[in-house]
């Protein structure tokens, strides 16, 4: 069985304006469901993460 690839880098803090993890860029829903996602679903999320993290860095910190 292949290992499940995860973008988690153990910086588990939610950005107040975006609702995304500041470490990996995933939503809480995605983090919760990660192990049940198919390889295709994980690949789709992984492809979106760089843009999400960049946008989050540009977003104001308050909601």
N, C-alpha and C. Protein backbone atom coordinates (compact mmCIF):
# COMPACT_ATOMS: atom_id res chain seq x y z
N UNK A 1 0.84 -1.19 0.00
CA UNK A 1 0.00 0.00 0.00
C UNK A 1 0.88 1.24 0.00
N UNK A 2 0.61 2.15 -0.90
CA UNK A 2 1.39 3.38 -1.02
C UNK A 2 1.06 4.34 0.12
N UNK A 3 2.05 5.10 0.54
CA UNK A 3 1.85 6.11 1.58
C UNK A 3 1.01 7.26 1.03
N UNK A 4 0.20 7.82 1.88
CA UNK A 4 -0.62 8.98 1.50
C UNK A 4 0.25 10.22 1.61
N UNK A 5 0.38 10.93 0.52
CA UNK A 5 1.17 12.17 0.51
C UNK A 5 0.34 13.27 1.16
N UNK A 6 0.97 14.03 2.03
CA UNK A 6 0.28 15.12 2.71
C UNK A 6 1.15 16.38 2.65
N UNK A 7 0.53 17.54 2.47
CA UNK A 7 1.28 18.79 2.47
C UNK A 7 1.52 19.34 3.88
N UNK A 8 1.05 18.63 4.89
CA UNK A 8 1.15 19.12 6.26
C UNK A 8 2.61 19.36 6.64
N UNK A 9 2.87 20.53 7.23
CA UNK A 9 4.21 20.83 7.70
C UNK A 9 4.20 21.17 9.19
N UNK A 10 3.14 20.73 9.86
CA UNK A 10 3.01 20.84 11.32
C UNK A 10 2.91 22.28 11.81
N UNK A 11 2.44 23.18 10.94
CA UNK A 11 2.16 24.57 11.34
C UNK A 11 0.64 24.70 11.25
N UNK A 12 -0.03 24.23 12.24
CA UNK A 12 -1.49 24.10 12.19
C UNK A 12 -2.18 25.29 12.85
N UNK A 13 -2.28 26.36 12.08
CA UNK A 13 -2.95 27.57 12.52
C UNK A 13 -3.84 28.05 11.39
N UNK A 14 -5.07 28.41 11.72
CA UNK A 14 -6.01 28.86 10.70
C UNK A 14 -5.91 30.37 10.51
N UNK A 15 -5.73 30.79 9.27
CA UNK A 15 -5.68 32.20 8.93
C UNK A 15 -7.08 32.78 9.11
N UNK A 16 -7.24 33.82 9.91
CA UNK A 16 -8.58 34.32 10.22
C UNK A 16 -9.36 34.86 9.02
N UNK A 17 -8.71 35.41 8.04
CA UNK A 17 -9.43 35.97 6.90
C UNK A 17 -9.79 34.94 5.85
N UNK A 18 -8.93 33.93 5.67
CA UNK A 18 -9.16 32.95 4.61
C UNK A 18 -9.76 31.65 5.11
N UNK A 19 -9.55 31.32 6.37
CA UNK A 19 -10.02 30.05 6.91
C UNK A 19 -9.16 28.87 6.49
N UNK A 20 -7.99 29.16 5.94
CA UNK A 20 -7.08 28.11 5.50
C UNK A 20 -5.94 27.96 6.50
N UNK A 21 -5.36 26.77 6.56
CA UNK A 21 -4.19 26.53 7.40
C UNK A 21 -3.02 27.34 6.85
N UNK A 22 -2.35 28.10 7.71
CA UNK A 22 -1.23 28.92 7.25
C UNK A 22 -0.02 28.07 6.89
N UNK A 23 0.03 26.85 7.36
CA UNK A 23 1.14 25.98 7.04
C UNK A 23 1.02 25.32 5.69
N UNK A 24 -0.14 24.71 5.44
CA UNK A 24 -0.29 23.91 4.21
C UNK A 24 -1.26 24.49 3.20
N UNK A 25 -2.13 25.39 3.62
CA UNK A 25 -3.08 26.01 2.69
C UNK A 25 -4.39 25.27 2.51
N UNK A 26 -4.57 24.17 3.25
CA UNK A 26 -5.83 23.43 3.12
C UNK A 26 -6.90 24.00 4.05
N UNK A 27 -8.16 23.78 3.67
CA UNK A 27 -9.27 24.15 4.54
C UNK A 27 -9.40 23.09 5.64
N UNK A 28 -10.10 23.43 6.69
CA UNK A 28 -10.32 22.45 7.76
C UNK A 28 -11.05 21.23 7.24
N UNK A 29 -11.98 21.44 6.32
CA UNK A 29 -12.71 20.31 5.72
C UNK A 29 -11.75 19.40 4.97
N UNK A 30 -10.84 19.98 4.21
CA UNK A 30 -9.88 19.17 3.45
C UNK A 30 -8.94 18.41 4.38
N UNK A 31 -8.51 19.05 5.44
CA UNK A 31 -7.64 18.39 6.41
C UNK A 31 -8.37 17.20 7.03
N UNK A 32 -9.60 17.44 7.44
CA UNK A 32 -10.40 16.39 8.07
C UNK A 32 -10.61 15.20 7.14
N UNK A 33 -10.86 15.44 5.87
CA UNK A 33 -11.21 14.40 4.91
C UNK A 33 -10.01 13.82 4.15
N UNK A 34 -8.82 14.35 4.38
CA UNK A 34 -7.65 14.03 3.57
C UNK A 34 -7.44 12.52 3.36
N UNK A 35 -7.51 11.75 4.42
CA UNK A 35 -7.25 10.32 4.30
C UNK A 35 -8.32 9.58 3.52
N UNK A 36 -9.50 10.15 3.42
CA UNK A 36 -10.56 9.48 2.67
C UNK A 36 -10.61 9.94 1.20
N UNK A 37 -9.85 10.97 0.86
CA UNK A 37 -9.82 11.45 -0.53
C UNK A 37 -9.13 10.42 -1.43
N UNK A 38 -9.55 10.37 -2.66
CA UNK A 38 -8.87 9.55 -3.65
C UNK A 38 -7.55 10.21 -4.03
N UNK A 39 -6.69 9.48 -4.71
CA UNK A 39 -5.44 10.07 -5.18
C UNK A 39 -5.70 11.28 -6.07
N UNK A 40 -6.73 11.19 -6.90
CA UNK A 40 -7.07 12.30 -7.80
C UNK A 40 -7.53 13.52 -7.01
N UNK A 41 -8.32 13.30 -5.97
CA UNK A 41 -8.79 14.43 -5.15
C UNK A 41 -7.61 15.08 -4.43
N UNK A 42 -6.71 14.28 -3.88
CA UNK A 42 -5.54 14.85 -3.20
C UNK A 42 -4.67 15.61 -4.20
N UNK A 43 -4.48 15.06 -5.38
CA UNK A 43 -3.67 15.73 -6.41
C UNK A 43 -4.28 17.07 -6.80
N UNK A 44 -5.60 17.12 -6.91
CA UNK A 44 -6.29 18.36 -7.25
C UNK A 44 -6.04 19.43 -6.17
N UNK A 45 -6.20 19.05 -4.90
CA UNK A 45 -5.96 20.00 -3.81
C UNK A 45 -4.50 20.43 -3.80
N UNK A 46 -3.59 19.46 -3.94
CA UNK A 46 -2.15 19.78 -3.92
C UNK A 46 -1.79 20.79 -5.01
N UNK A 47 -2.42 20.67 -6.17
CA UNK A 47 -2.14 21.59 -7.27
C UNK A 47 -2.60 23.01 -6.96
N UNK A 48 -3.62 23.14 -6.13
CA UNK A 48 -4.15 24.47 -5.78
C UNK A 48 -3.38 25.14 -4.64
N UNK A 49 -2.65 24.38 -3.86
CA UNK A 49 -2.05 24.93 -2.65
C UNK A 49 -1.06 26.07 -2.87
N UNK A 50 -0.17 26.02 -3.84
CA UNK A 50 0.76 27.16 -4.00
C UNK A 50 0.03 28.49 -4.21
N UNK A 51 -1.00 28.50 -5.03
CA UNK A 51 -1.76 29.74 -5.27
C UNK A 51 -2.51 30.17 -4.01
N UNK A 52 -3.05 29.22 -3.30
CA UNK A 52 -3.77 29.55 -2.05
C UNK A 52 -2.82 30.19 -1.05
N UNK A 53 -1.65 29.59 -0.87
CA UNK A 53 -0.68 30.12 0.10
C UNK A 53 -0.22 31.52 -0.29
N UNK A 54 -0.01 31.72 -1.58
CA UNK A 54 0.40 33.06 -2.05
C UNK A 54 -0.71 34.08 -1.79
N UNK A 55 -1.94 33.73 -2.08
CA UNK A 55 -3.07 34.64 -1.84
C UNK A 55 -3.24 34.92 -0.35
N UNK A 56 -3.02 33.90 0.46
CA UNK A 56 -3.17 34.07 1.90
C UNK A 56 -2.12 35.04 2.44
N UNK A 57 -0.91 34.96 1.91
CA UNK A 57 0.14 35.87 2.34
C UNK A 57 -0.21 37.32 2.03
N UNK A 58 -0.98 37.53 0.97
CA UNK A 58 -1.37 38.87 0.56
C UNK A 58 -2.63 39.37 1.28
N UNK A 59 -3.39 38.45 1.89
CA UNK A 59 -4.66 38.82 2.56
C UNK A 59 -4.39 39.44 3.92
N UNK A 60 -5.23 40.39 4.32
CA UNK A 60 -5.09 40.97 5.66
C UNK A 60 -5.36 39.88 6.71
N UNK A 61 -4.73 40.00 7.85
CA UNK A 61 -4.82 38.96 8.89
C UNK A 61 -6.14 38.94 9.64
N UNK A 62 -6.91 40.00 9.59
CA UNK A 62 -8.15 40.00 10.37
C UNK A 62 -9.34 39.69 9.46
N UNK A 63 -10.32 39.06 10.07
CA UNK A 63 -11.51 38.65 9.33
C UNK A 63 -12.46 39.79 9.09
